[in-house]
Amino acid sequence: MVVKVYVTYNEVHKLCQDAATKILEDFKPQLMIAIGGGGYVPARILRSFLKQPGSPNIPMQGIGLSLYEQLPPSLGADADTQVEEPGTKVTRTQWLDFTSLGEIENLVGKRILIVDEVDDTRTTLEYAIKELEKDVEAASQKLGYKGEKTVFSIFVLHNKNKEKKGQLPDDMVKNNRYLAARTVDDVWICYPWEATNIDEHDELATKQPS
């Protein structure tokens, strides 16, 4: 039986607030890239906590990557018992918007924070890092850039305590540039932005074991 855990907007807000200090001290991001759709809301909340007095908001970009797929409903299944499962291939549905970011060269030499809601199999995070690193390397070679290295960090709301299929770069792991607000069991996490009935979602959240 699939165990579902319901997370509320208030909980997401507080997870971002609690993580902000460490992100500011350790990562010092100059650009945020949210992985859609689940990374958009935490990234926007987090940006409010990362803003420093007298400084502009940290620019935000979004990339769309899809790994999950809906399982065919079993006979007599209702909405509460239907779940999604990780697929086998990452699909790119959206990439960086250079009309607002400017040229790809604007990524070079920056401290970039990638935000997603959950680290499940790690496949999506691995794909995002590899593709962004390719973009940066191509831009660096084009510019003949020899300055500060582009540094990627990751923030997720939840890390599932399970064997991962994807891998993060060794230097990211060694230098602690990965932060999960919470590490949880391998359960199905229901986020509020996925709910079609937010009142029912919040009620289920209040009834679940603490």
N, C-alpha and C. Protein backbone atom coordinates (compact mmCIF):
# COMPACT_ATOMS: atom_id res chain seq x y z
N MET A 1 0.84 -1.20 0.00
CA MET A 1 0.00 0.00 0.00
C MET A 1 0.87 1.25 0.00
N VAL A 2 0.51 2.21 -0.83
CA VAL A 2 1.27 3.45 -0.91
C VAL A 2 0.95 4.33 0.30
N VAL A 3 1.98 4.77 0.99
CA VAL A 3 1.82 5.70 2.12
C VAL A 3 1.94 7.12 1.59
N LYS A 4 0.89 7.92 1.82
CA LYS A 4 0.90 9.30 1.37
C LYS A 4 1.10 10.25 2.55
N VAL A 5 1.91 11.26 2.33
CA VAL A 5 2.14 12.31 3.32
C VAL A 5 1.71 13.64 2.71
N TYR A 6 0.83 14.35 3.39
CA TYR A 6 0.30 15.61 2.88
C TYR A 6 1.07 16.78 3.49
N VAL A 7 1.60 17.62 2.63
CA VAL A 7 2.39 18.78 3.06
C VAL A 7 1.58 20.04 2.76
N THR A 8 1.51 20.96 3.72
CA THR A 8 0.73 22.18 3.53
C THR A 8 1.63 23.33 3.05
N TYR A 9 0.97 24.39 2.57
CA TYR A 9 1.71 25.58 2.17
C TYR A 9 2.47 26.18 3.35
N ASN A 10 1.87 26.16 4.52
CA ASN A 10 2.55 26.70 5.70
C ASN A 10 3.83 25.93 5.99
N GLU A 11 3.77 24.61 5.84
CA GLU A 11 4.96 23.79 6.09
C GLU A 11 6.05 24.10 5.06
N VAL A 12 5.68 24.26 3.81
CA VAL A 12 6.64 24.61 2.77
C VAL A 12 7.29 25.96 3.09
N HIS A 13 6.47 26.92 3.48
CA HIS A 13 6.95 28.26 3.82
C HIS A 13 8.00 28.19 4.92
N LYS A 14 7.71 27.41 5.96
CA LYS A 14 8.62 27.32 7.11
C LYS A 14 9.89 26.55 6.77
N LEU A 15 9.79 25.54 5.91
CA LEU A 15 10.98 24.81 5.48
C LEU A 15 11.93 25.74 4.73
N CYS A 16 11.37 26.59 3.86
CA CYS A 16 12.20 27.55 3.12
C CYS A 16 12.81 28.57 4.06
N GLN A 17 12.03 29.05 5.01
CA GLN A 17 12.53 30.03 5.97
C GLN A 17 13.68 29.45 6.79
N ASP A 18 13.53 28.21 7.24
CA ASP A 18 14.57 27.58 8.05
C ASP A 18 15.86 27.36 7.26
N ALA A 19 15.72 27.10 5.96
CA ALA A 19 16.90 26.80 5.13
C ALA A 19 17.62 28.06 4.66
N ALA A 20 16.94 29.20 4.68
CA ALA A 20 17.47 30.41 4.06
C ALA A 20 18.80 30.85 4.64
N THR A 21 18.95 30.78 5.95
CA THR A 21 20.19 31.25 6.58
C THR A 21 21.39 30.46 6.10
N LYS A 22 21.25 29.13 6.07
CA LYS A 22 22.37 28.30 5.60
C LYS A 22 22.68 28.57 4.14
N ILE A 23 21.63 28.74 3.33
CA ILE A 23 21.84 29.01 1.91
C ILE A 23 22.58 30.32 1.71
N LEU A 24 22.20 31.35 2.46
CA LEU A 24 22.88 32.64 2.36
C LEU A 24 24.33 32.55 2.80
N GLU A 25 24.58 31.83 3.88
CA GLU A 25 25.93 31.75 4.43
C GLU A 25 26.84 30.85 3.61
N ASP A 26 26.30 29.72 3.14
CA ASP A 26 27.15 28.71 2.49
C ASP A 26 27.14 28.80 0.96
N PHE A 27 25.99 29.12 0.37
CA PHE A 27 25.86 29.08 -1.08
C PHE A 27 26.00 30.46 -1.72
N LYS A 28 25.46 31.49 -1.04
CA LYS A 28 25.51 32.88 -1.55
C LYS A 28 25.07 32.95 -3.02
N PRO A 29 23.86 32.49 -3.33
CA PRO A 29 23.43 32.42 -4.74
C PRO A 29 23.27 33.79 -5.39
N GLN A 30 23.64 33.85 -6.66
CA GLN A 30 23.43 35.06 -7.48
C GLN A 30 22.32 34.85 -8.51
N LEU A 31 21.91 33.60 -8.68
CA LEU A 31 20.84 33.26 -9.61
C LEU A 31 20.18 31.99 -9.11
N MET A 32 18.84 31.94 -9.20
CA MET A 32 18.10 30.74 -8.83
C MET A 32 17.47 30.14 -10.08
N ILE A 33 17.54 28.83 -10.19
CA ILE A 33 16.89 28.11 -11.28
C ILE A 33 15.95 27.09 -10.65
N ALA A 34 14.65 27.26 -10.85
CA ALA A 34 13.65 26.35 -10.32
C ALA A 34 13.35 25.27 -11.35
N ILE A 35 13.28 24.03 -10.89
CA ILE A 35 12.88 22.93 -11.76
C ILE A 35 11.37 22.78 -11.65
N GLY A 36 10.69 22.98 -12.79
CA GLY A 36 9.23 22.91 -12.78
C GLY A 36 8.73 21.50 -13.04
N GLY A 37 7.49 21.28 -12.53
CA GLY A 37 6.66 22.26 -11.87
C GLY A 37 6.85 22.38 -10.39
N GLY A 38 7.43 21.36 -9.70
CA GLY A 38 7.46 21.37 -8.24
C GLY A 38 8.40 22.37 -7.60
N GLY A 39 9.39 22.85 -8.33
CA GLY A 39 10.37 23.75 -7.73
C GLY A 39 9.97 25.21 -7.75
N TYR A 40 8.91 25.55 -8.51
CA TYR A 40 8.55 26.96 -8.68
C TYR A 40 8.12 27.62 -7.38
N VAL A 41 7.21 26.98 -6.65
CA VAL A 41 6.68 27.60 -5.43
C VAL A 41 7.75 27.73 -4.35
N PRO A 42 8.49 26.67 -4.01
CA PRO A 42 9.54 26.86 -3.00
C PRO A 42 10.60 27.87 -3.41
N ALA A 43 10.92 27.94 -4.70
CA ALA A 43 11.91 28.92 -5.15
C ALA A 43 11.41 30.34 -4.92
N ARG A 44 10.14 30.58 -5.23
CA ARG A 44 9.60 31.92 -5.04
C ARG A 44 9.53 32.29 -3.56
N ILE A 45 9.13 31.36 -2.71
CA ILE A 45 9.10 31.63 -1.27
C ILE A 45 10.51 31.87 -0.76
N LEU A 46 11.43 31.02 -1.17
CA LEU A 46 12.81 31.12 -0.72
C LEU A 46 13.42 32.47 -1.09
N ARG A 47 13.09 32.98 -2.27
CA ARG A 47 13.67 34.24 -2.72
C ARG A 47 13.36 35.38 -1.76
N SER A 48 12.18 35.36 -1.15
CA SER A 48 11.81 36.41 -0.19
C SER A 48 12.73 36.38 1.02
N PHE A 49 13.10 35.19 1.45
CA PHE A 49 13.97 35.06 2.62
C PHE A 49 15.44 35.31 2.29
N LEU A 50 15.80 35.19 1.02
CA LEU A 50 17.19 35.41 0.63
C LEU A 50 17.49 36.88 0.33
N LYS A 51 16.45 37.69 0.16
CA LYS A 51 16.67 39.11 -0.18
C LYS A 51 17.34 39.84 0.97
N GLN A 52 18.38 40.57 0.65
CA GLN A 52 19.13 41.33 1.64
C GLN A 52 18.78 42.82 1.54
N PRO A 53 18.73 43.53 2.70
CA PRO A 53 18.39 44.95 2.68
C PRO A 53 19.31 45.75 1.75
N GLY A 54 18.70 46.55 0.91
CA GLY A 54 19.47 47.39 0.00
C GLY A 54 19.93 46.69 -1.26
N SER A 55 19.62 45.39 -1.39
CA SER A 55 20.02 44.63 -2.58
C SER A 55 18.78 44.19 -3.34
N PRO A 56 18.89 44.04 -4.65
CA PRO A 56 17.73 43.57 -5.43
C PRO A 56 17.45 42.10 -5.18
N ASN A 57 16.27 41.66 -5.57
CA ASN A 57 15.94 40.24 -5.48
C ASN A 57 16.88 39.43 -6.35
N ILE A 58 17.16 38.21 -5.93
CA ILE A 58 17.97 37.31 -6.73
C ILE A 58 17.16 36.92 -7.97
N PRO A 59 17.71 37.05 -9.16
CA PRO A 59 16.98 36.67 -10.38
C PRO A 59 16.58 35.20 -10.34
N MET A 60 15.42 34.90 -10.90
CA MET A 60 14.91 33.53 -10.95
C MET A 60 14.64 33.11 -12.38
N GLN A 61 15.00 31.89 -12.68
CA GLN A 61 14.68 31.27 -13.96
C GLN A 61 14.02 29.93 -13.70
N GLY A 62 13.31 29.44 -14.70
CA GLY A 62 12.67 28.14 -14.57
C GLY A 62 13.05 27.22 -15.72
N ILE A 63 13.23 25.96 -15.40
CA ILE A 63 13.41 24.94 -16.43
C ILE A 63 12.37 23.85 -16.19
N GLY A 64 11.84 23.30 -17.25
CA GLY A 64 10.83 22.27 -17.12
C GLY A 64 11.39 20.90 -17.46
N LEU A 65 11.36 20.00 -16.48
CA LEU A 65 11.82 18.63 -16.68
C LEU A 65 10.76 17.68 -16.16
N SER A 66 10.46 16.66 -16.91
CA SER A 66 9.42 15.71 -16.52
C SER A 66 10.01 14.31 -16.44
N LEU A 67 9.76 13.66 -15.30
CA LEU A 67 10.20 12.28 -15.13
C LEU A 67 9.04 11.39 -14.71
N TYR A 68 8.09 11.95 -13.96
CA TYR A 68 6.99 11.16 -13.43
C TYR A 68 5.93 10.91 -14.49
N GLU A 69 5.28 9.78 -14.37
CA GLU A 69 4.22 9.45 -15.31
C GLU A 69 3.06 8.82 -14.54
N GLN A 70 1.85 9.11 -15.00
CA GLN A 70 0.66 8.56 -14.34
C GLN A 70 0.51 7.08 -14.63
N LEU A 71 0.31 6.29 -13.60
CA LEU A 71 0.06 4.87 -13.80
C LEU A 71 -1.39 4.67 -14.26
N PRO A 72 -1.64 3.68 -15.10
CA PRO A 72 -3.02 3.39 -15.49
C PRO A 72 -3.84 3.05 -14.25
N PRO A 73 -5.02 3.64 -14.07
CA PRO A 73 -5.82 3.36 -12.88
C PRO A 73 -6.30 1.91 -12.88
N SER A 74 -6.24 1.30 -11.72
CA SER A 74 -6.75 -0.06 -11.60
C SER A 74 -8.27 -0.02 -11.53
N LEU A 75 -8.90 -1.13 -11.74
CA LEU A 75 -10.35 -1.20 -11.77
C LEU A 75 -10.92 -0.76 -10.42
N GLY A 76 -11.78 0.24 -10.45
CA GLY A 76 -12.40 0.70 -9.22
C GLY A 76 -11.54 1.65 -8.42
N ALA A 77 -10.38 2.05 -8.95
CA ALA A 77 -9.49 2.95 -8.20
C ALA A 77 -10.10 4.34 -8.17
N ASP A 78 -9.89 5.04 -7.04
CA ASP A 78 -10.34 6.41 -6.95
C ASP A 78 -9.13 7.33 -6.96
N ALA A 79 -9.37 8.64 -6.92
CA ALA A 79 -8.30 9.63 -7.04
C ALA A 79 -7.29 9.51 -5.92
N ASP A 80 -7.74 9.04 -4.74
CA ASP A 80 -6.84 8.99 -3.60
C ASP A 80 -5.88 7.82 -3.67
N THR A 81 -6.22 6.80 -4.48
CA THR A 81 -5.36 5.63 -4.56
C THR A 81 -4.50 5.62 -5.80
N GLN A 82 -4.79 6.53 -6.75
CA GLN A 82 -3.97 6.61 -7.95
C GLN A 82 -2.72 7.42 -7.66
N VAL A 83 -1.60 6.96 -8.13
CA VAL A 83 -0.33 7.64 -7.89
C VAL A 83 0.45 7.74 -9.19
N GLU A 84 1.52 8.50 -9.12
CA GLU A 84 2.46 8.56 -10.22
C GLU A 84 3.72 7.81 -9.82
N GLU A 85 4.45 7.34 -10.80
CA GLU A 85 5.70 6.65 -10.55
C GLU A 85 6.80 7.30 -11.37
N PRO A 86 8.05 7.26 -10.87
CA PRO A 86 9.14 7.80 -11.68
C PRO A 86 9.26 7.06 -12.99
N GLY A 87 9.39 7.82 -14.08
CA GLY A 87 9.60 7.21 -15.38
C GLY A 87 11.06 6.83 -15.56
N THR A 88 11.42 6.52 -16.78
CA THR A 88 12.78 6.07 -17.06
C THR A 88 13.58 7.10 -17.85
N LYS A 89 12.91 8.15 -18.32
CA LYS A 89 13.59 9.12 -19.16
C LYS A 89 13.17 10.54 -18.78
N VAL A 90 14.14 11.42 -18.63
CA VAL A 90 13.84 12.82 -18.36
C VAL A 90 13.47 13.51 -19.66
N THR A 91 12.35 14.21 -19.64
CA THR A 91 11.90 14.97 -20.80
C THR A 91 12.05 16.46 -20.52
N ARG A 92 12.74 17.17 -21.41
CA ARG A 92 12.91 18.61 -21.25
C ARG A 92 11.69 19.31 -21.87
N THR A 93 10.92 20.01 -21.07
CA THR A 93 9.73 20.71 -21.55
C THR A 93 9.93 22.22 -21.61
N GLN A 94 10.95 22.73 -20.94
CA GLN A 94 11.23 24.17 -20.94
C GLN A 94 12.68 24.36 -20.53
N TRP A 95 13.33 25.37 -21.14
CA TRP A 95 14.71 25.65 -20.74
C TRP A 95 14.84 27.14 -20.41
N LEU A 96 16.03 27.60 -20.19
CA LEU A 96 16.26 28.96 -19.74
C LEU A 96 15.72 29.99 -20.72
N ASP A 97 15.16 31.06 -20.18
CA ASP A 97 14.59 32.14 -20.99
C ASP A 97 15.63 33.24 -21.13
N PHE A 98 16.28 33.28 -22.29
CA PHE A 98 17.35 34.25 -22.48
C PHE A 98 16.84 35.64 -22.86
N THR A 99 15.53 35.77 -23.06
CA THR A 99 15.00 37.11 -23.31
C THR A 99 15.03 37.95 -22.03
N SER A 100 14.95 37.27 -20.87
CA SER A 100 15.03 37.99 -19.60
C SER A 100 16.39 37.82 -18.94
N LEU A 101 16.99 36.65 -19.11
CA LEU A 101 18.30 36.41 -18.52
C LEU A 101 19.40 37.12 -19.30
N GLY A 102 19.17 37.30 -20.58
CA GLY A 102 20.21 37.85 -21.43
C GLY A 102 20.89 36.70 -22.17
N GLU A 103 22.12 36.86 -22.49
CA GLU A 103 22.84 35.82 -23.20
C GLU A 103 23.25 34.69 -22.25
N ILE A 104 23.53 33.51 -22.82
CA ILE A 104 23.99 32.37 -22.03
C ILE A 104 25.24 32.72 -21.24
N GLU A 105 26.01 33.69 -21.74
CA GLU A 105 27.23 34.08 -21.06
C GLU A 105 26.96 34.61 -19.66
N ASN A 106 25.73 35.05 -19.39
CA ASN A 106 25.40 35.58 -18.08
C ASN A 106 25.35 34.50 -16.99
N LEU A 107 25.42 33.25 -17.39
CA LEU A 107 25.52 32.16 -16.42
C LEU A 107 26.96 31.96 -15.94
N VAL A 108 27.89 32.37 -16.75
CA VAL A 108 29.30 32.06 -16.50
C VAL A 108 29.83 32.83 -15.29
N GLY A 109 30.50 32.08 -14.41
CA GLY A 109 31.12 32.70 -13.25
C GLY A 109 30.17 33.00 -12.12
N LYS A 110 28.93 32.55 -12.21
CA LYS A 110 27.92 32.84 -11.19
C LYS A 110 27.80 31.69 -10.17
N ARG A 111 27.24 32.03 -9.02
CA ARG A 111 26.84 31.03 -8.02
C ARG A 111 25.35 30.80 -8.22
N ILE A 112 25.00 29.60 -8.67
CA ILE A 112 23.64 29.30 -9.11
C ILE A 112 23.01 28.24 -8.20
N LEU A 113 21.84 28.57 -7.68
CA LEU A 113 21.11 27.65 -6.81
C LEU A 113 19.96 27.01 -7.59
N ILE A 114 19.98 25.68 -7.68
CA ILE A 114 18.91 24.92 -8.32
C ILE A 114 17.93 24.48 -7.24
N VAL A 115 16.64 24.71 -7.49
CA VAL A 115 15.61 24.41 -6.49
C VAL A 115 14.59 23.43 -7.05
N ASP A 116 14.30 22.39 -6.28
CA ASP A 116 13.25 21.44 -6.64
C ASP A 116 12.52 21.05 -5.36
N GLU A 117 11.36 20.41 -5.53
CA GLU A 117 10.62 20.08 -4.32
C GLU A 117 11.10 18.79 -3.66
N VAL A 118 11.48 17.79 -4.46
CA VAL A 118 11.82 16.50 -3.87
C VAL A 118 12.97 15.85 -4.64
N ASP A 119 13.84 15.22 -3.88
CA ASP A 119 14.92 14.41 -4.45
C ASP A 119 14.50 12.96 -4.26
N ASP A 120 13.95 12.39 -5.31
CA ASP A 120 13.42 11.03 -5.24
C ASP A 120 14.48 10.05 -5.75
N THR A 121 14.54 9.86 -7.06
CA THR A 121 15.56 8.96 -7.63
C THR A 121 16.85 9.70 -7.97
N ARG A 122 16.79 11.04 -7.92
CA ARG A 122 17.91 11.94 -8.24
C ARG A 122 18.18 12.04 -9.74
N THR A 123 17.38 11.38 -10.54
CA THR A 123 17.58 11.39 -11.99
C THR A 123 17.41 12.79 -12.57
N THR A 124 16.36 13.48 -12.14
CA THR A 124 16.09 14.82 -12.66
C THR A 124 17.20 15.80 -12.27
N LEU A 125 17.64 15.75 -11.03
CA LEU A 125 18.71 16.64 -10.58
C LEU A 125 20.00 16.38 -11.35
N GLU A 126 20.32 15.12 -11.56
CA GLU A 126 21.52 14.78 -12.33
C GLU A 126 21.44 15.36 -13.74
N TYR A 127 20.28 15.20 -14.37
CA TYR A 127 20.10 15.71 -15.73
C TYR A 127 20.26 17.23 -15.75
N ALA A 128 19.60 17.92 -14.81
CA ALA A 128 19.66 19.38 -14.78
C ALA A 128 21.09 19.88 -14.63
N ILE A 129 21.82 19.31 -13.70
CA ILE A 129 23.20 19.73 -13.48
C ILE A 129 24.06 19.50 -14.72
N LYS A 130 23.96 18.31 -15.30
CA LYS A 130 24.78 17.99 -16.47
C LYS A 130 24.49 18.92 -17.64
N GLU A 131 23.21 19.20 -17.89
CA GLU A 131 22.84 20.05 -19.02
C GLU A 131 23.25 21.50 -18.79
N LEU A 132 23.08 21.99 -17.58
CA LEU A 132 23.50 23.36 -17.27
C LEU A 132 25.02 23.50 -17.33
N GLU A 133 25.73 22.49 -16.87
CA GLU A 133 27.19 22.53 -16.95
C GLU A 133 27.66 22.54 -18.40
N LYS A 134 26.95 21.81 -19.27
CA LYS A 134 27.29 21.84 -20.70
C LYS A 134 27.10 23.25 -21.26
N ASP A 135 26.00 23.90 -20.90
CA ASP A 135 25.73 25.26 -21.38
C ASP A 135 26.83 26.22 -20.92
N VAL A 136 27.20 26.10 -19.66
CA VAL A 136 28.22 26.99 -19.11
C VAL A 136 29.57 26.74 -19.76
N GLU A 137 29.92 25.48 -19.97
CA GLU A 137 31.21 25.15 -20.58
C GLU A 137 31.28 25.69 -22.00
N ALA A 138 30.18 25.54 -22.75
CA ALA A 138 30.15 26.05 -24.12
C ALA A 138 30.31 27.56 -24.15
N ALA A 139 29.63 28.24 -23.22
CA ALA A 139 29.72 29.70 -23.15
C ALA A 139 31.11 30.15 -22.73
N SER A 140 31.72 29.42 -21.80
CA SER A 140 33.07 29.76 -21.33
C SER A 140 34.09 29.65 -22.44
N GLN A 141 33.97 28.58 -23.24
CA GLN A 141 34.90 28.40 -24.35
C GLN A 141 34.70 29.48 -25.41
N LYS A 142 33.45 29.83 -25.65
CA LYS A 142 33.15 30.88 -26.62
C LYS A 142 33.75 32.22 -26.20
N LEU A 143 33.69 32.50 -24.89
CA LEU A 143 34.20 33.77 -24.37
C LEU A 143 35.70 33.75 -24.12
N GLY A 144 36.28 32.54 -24.05
CA GLY A 144 37.66 32.43 -23.60
C GLY A 144 37.77 32.81 -22.14
N TYR A 145 36.73 32.45 -21.37
CA TYR A 145 36.62 32.88 -19.97
C TYR A 145 37.62 32.15 -19.09
N LYS A 146 38.32 32.91 -18.25
CA LYS A 146 39.33 32.34 -17.34
C LYS A 146 39.10 32.79 -15.90
N GLY A 147 37.94 33.37 -15.62
CA GLY A 147 37.69 33.93 -14.29
C GLY A 147 37.13 32.90 -13.31
N GLU A 148 36.29 33.39 -12.38
CA GLU A 148 35.72 32.54 -11.35
C GLU A 148 34.90 31.40 -11.96
N LYS A 149 34.99 30.24 -11.34
CA LYS A 149 34.24 29.08 -11.82
C LYS A 149 32.76 29.23 -11.52
N THR A 150 31.92 28.79 -12.43
CA THR A 150 30.49 28.73 -12.16
C THR A 150 30.22 27.62 -11.15
N VAL A 151 29.52 27.97 -10.09
CA VAL A 151 29.30 27.01 -9.00
C VAL A 151 27.81 26.75 -8.84
N PHE A 152 27.42 25.48 -8.94
CA PHE A 152 26.03 25.08 -8.76
C PHE A 152 25.82 24.49 -7.37
N SER A 153 24.69 24.86 -6.76
CA SER A 153 24.25 24.27 -5.51
C SER A 153 22.82 23.81 -5.69
N ILE A 154 22.35 22.96 -4.78
CA ILE A 154 21.00 22.41 -4.87
C ILE A 154 20.28 22.56 -3.53
N PHE A 155 19.01 22.97 -3.62
CA PHE A 155 18.13 22.95 -2.45
C PHE A 155 16.85 22.21 -2.82
N VAL A 156 16.46 21.25 -1.97
CA VAL A 156 15.18 20.57 -2.12
C VAL A 156 14.45 20.60 -0.79
N LEU A 157 13.13 20.57 -0.86
CA LEU A 157 12.35 20.52 0.38
C LEU A 157 12.52 19.17 1.06
N HIS A 158 12.43 18.11 0.27
CA HIS A 158 12.49 16.75 0.84
C HIS A 158 13.43 15.86 0.05
N ASN A 159 14.25 15.15 0.78
CA ASN A 159 15.10 14.11 0.20
C ASN A 159 14.59 12.76 0.69
N LYS A 160 14.27 11.88 -0.24
CA LYS A 160 13.80 10.55 0.15
C LYS A 160 14.99 9.65 0.46
N ASN A 161 14.92 9.01 1.61
CA ASN A 161 16.00 8.15 2.08
C ASN A 161 15.90 6.80 1.36
N LYS A 162 16.53 6.76 0.18
CA LYS A 162 16.45 5.56 -0.65
C LYS A 162 17.66 5.53 -1.58
N GLU A 163 17.87 4.39 -2.21
CA GLU A 163 18.95 4.29 -3.19
C GLU A 163 18.64 5.17 -4.39
N LYS A 164 19.64 5.94 -4.82
CA LYS A 164 19.43 6.88 -5.93
C LYS A 164 19.93 6.29 -7.25
N LYS A 165 19.20 6.62 -8.31
CA LYS A 165 19.63 6.22 -9.64
C LYS A 165 20.58 7.25 -10.25
N GLY A 166 20.37 8.52 -9.92
CA GLY A 166 21.21 9.59 -10.42
C GLY A 166 22.33 9.92 -9.46
N GLN A 167 23.35 10.59 -9.99
CA GLN A 167 24.52 10.97 -9.19
C GLN A 167 24.76 12.48 -9.31
N LEU A 168 25.20 13.07 -8.22
CA LEU A 168 25.58 14.48 -8.22
C LEU A 168 27.09 14.58 -8.40
N PRO A 169 27.57 15.72 -8.90
CA PRO A 169 29.03 15.88 -9.08
C PRO A 169 29.78 15.69 -7.76
N ASP A 170 30.95 15.07 -7.83
CA ASP A 170 31.73 14.78 -6.63
C ASP A 170 32.04 16.04 -5.83
N ASP A 171 32.39 17.14 -6.54
CA ASP A 171 32.77 18.35 -5.81
C ASP A 171 31.57 18.97 -5.10
N MET A 172 30.38 18.78 -5.64
CA MET A 172 29.18 19.29 -4.98
C MET A 172 28.94 18.55 -3.67
N VAL A 173 29.11 17.25 -3.70
CA VAL A 173 28.92 16.44 -2.50
C VAL A 173 30.00 16.74 -1.47
N LYS A 174 31.26 16.78 -1.91
CA LYS A 174 32.37 17.01 -0.99
C LYS A 174 32.31 18.38 -0.33
N ASN A 175 31.83 19.37 -1.06
CA ASN A 175 31.79 20.73 -0.55
C ASN A 175 30.43 21.13 0.02
N ASN A 176 29.59 20.12 0.27
CA ASN A 176 28.30 20.34 0.93
C ASN A 176 27.45 21.40 0.24
N ARG A 177 27.37 21.32 -1.08
CA ARG A 177 26.54 22.26 -1.83
C ARG A 177 25.19 21.64 -2.19
N TYR A 178 24.76 20.72 -1.37
CA TYR A 178 23.46 20.09 -1.50
C TYR A 178 22.76 20.21 -0.15
N LEU A 179 21.54 20.74 -0.16
CA LEU A 179 20.80 20.92 1.09
C LEU A 179 19.37 20.45 0.91
N ALA A 180 18.95 19.54 1.77
CA ALA A 180 17.55 19.12 1.84
C ALA A 180 16.99 19.62 3.17
N ALA A 181 15.85 20.29 3.11
CA ALA A 181 15.25 20.80 4.34
C ALA A 181 14.87 19.65 5.27
N ARG A 182 14.40 18.55 4.68
CA ARG A 182 14.05 17.36 5.46
C ARG A 182 14.42 16.11 4.68
N THR A 183 14.88 15.09 5.39
CA THR A 183 15.07 13.76 4.81
C THR A 183 13.97 12.87 5.36
N VAL A 184 13.25 12.21 4.46
CA VAL A 184 12.06 11.44 4.85
C VAL A 184 12.17 10.02 4.31
N ASP A 185 11.27 9.17 4.80
CA ASP A 185 11.20 7.82 4.27
C ASP A 185 10.70 7.86 2.82
N ASP A 186 10.75 6.71 2.17
CA ASP A 186 10.32 6.62 0.78
C ASP A 186 8.79 6.54 0.72
N VAL A 187 8.16 7.69 0.98
CA VAL A 187 6.71 7.79 0.96
C VAL A 187 6.29 8.66 -0.22
N TRP A 188 4.99 8.67 -0.53
CA TRP A 188 4.48 9.53 -1.58
C TRP A 188 4.11 10.87 -0.95
N ILE A 189 4.83 11.93 -1.35
CA ILE A 189 4.60 13.25 -0.77
C ILE A 189 3.61 14.01 -1.64
N CYS A 190 2.52 14.44 -1.03
CA CYS A 190 1.48 15.20 -1.73
C CYS A 190 1.65 16.68 -1.40
N TYR A 191 2.07 17.45 -2.39
CA TYR A 191 2.29 18.88 -2.18
C TYR A 191 1.01 19.66 -2.47
N PRO A 192 0.84 20.80 -1.81
CA PRO A 192 -0.43 21.53 -1.94
C PRO A 192 -0.72 22.05 -3.34
N TRP A 193 0.32 22.36 -4.11
CA TRP A 193 0.08 22.87 -5.47
C TRP A 193 -0.40 21.78 -6.42
N GLU A 194 -0.36 20.53 -5.98
CA GLU A 194 -0.89 19.43 -6.79
C GLU A 194 -2.36 19.17 -6.49
N ALA A 195 -2.87 19.76 -5.41
CA ALA A 195 -4.23 19.47 -4.95
C ALA A 195 -5.27 20.15 -5.85
N THR A 196 -6.35 19.46 -6.10
CA THR A 196 -7.48 20.07 -6.80
C THR A 196 -8.51 20.59 -5.80
N ASN A 197 -8.42 20.13 -4.56
CA ASN A 197 -9.28 20.62 -3.48
C ASN A 197 -8.38 20.92 -2.29
N ILE A 198 -8.00 22.19 -2.12
CA ILE A 198 -7.01 22.53 -1.10
C ILE A 198 -7.55 22.35 0.31
N ASP A 199 -8.86 22.55 0.51
CA ASP A 199 -9.44 22.35 1.84
C ASP A 199 -9.36 20.89 2.25
N GLU A 200 -9.67 20.00 1.31
CA GLU A 200 -9.57 18.58 1.60
C GLU A 200 -8.11 18.18 1.85
N HIS A 201 -7.20 18.74 1.06
CA HIS A 201 -5.78 18.46 1.23
C HIS A 201 -5.32 18.85 2.63
N ASP A 202 -5.66 20.07 3.05
CA ASP A 202 -5.24 20.54 4.37
C ASP A 202 -5.88 19.72 5.49
N GLU A 203 -7.13 19.28 5.28
CA GLU A 203 -7.79 18.45 6.28
C GLU A 203 -7.08 17.12 6.42
N LEU A 204 -6.70 16.52 5.30
CA LEU A 204 -5.95 15.27 5.35
C LEU A 204 -4.61 15.45 6.04
N ALA A 205 -4.00 16.61 5.85
CA ALA A 205 -2.70 16.92 6.50
C ALA A 205 -2.86 16.97 8.02
N THR A 206 -3.96 17.55 8.49
CA THR A 206 -4.17 17.67 9.94
C THR A 206 -4.49 16.32 10.58
N LYS A 207 -5.03 15.39 9.81
CA LYS A 207 -5.44 14.09 10.36
C LYS A 207 -4.31 13.06 10.35
N GLN A 208 -3.25 13.33 9.58
CA GLN A 208 -2.17 12.34 9.49
C GLN A 208 -1.32 12.35 10.75
N PRO A 209 -0.69 11.22 11.08
CA PRO A 209 0.17 11.16 12.28
C PRO A 209 1.29 12.20 12.19
N SER A 210 1.61 12.82 13.32
CA SER A 210 2.67 13.84 13.33
C SER A 210 4.04 13.19 13.38
